[in-house]
């Protein structure tokens, strides 16, 4: 997948909306992403707050009702920028 080669994560879904250009760029198809969403226990894309293709090729899913928690590691990384 393209993201692993570029070294950065890519958003595929945000607030239930599919980001088609990102999906195409990564060579993924909607049915593949929908399968991953269901594997994470979310019924449909409309229930996804955020889906990210990570640098290692895995897809992270954050459901709509999930609380976002920043860890100390992420805070330190943000401060360095």
Foldseek 3Di string as FASTA:
>chain_A
DVLLVVVAKDWQAAQLDGPVVRCVVVVHDPVVVQVVCVVVVHNGSNQFRTWMQGNVRDIDTDGPPDDDDDDPVNVVVVVVD
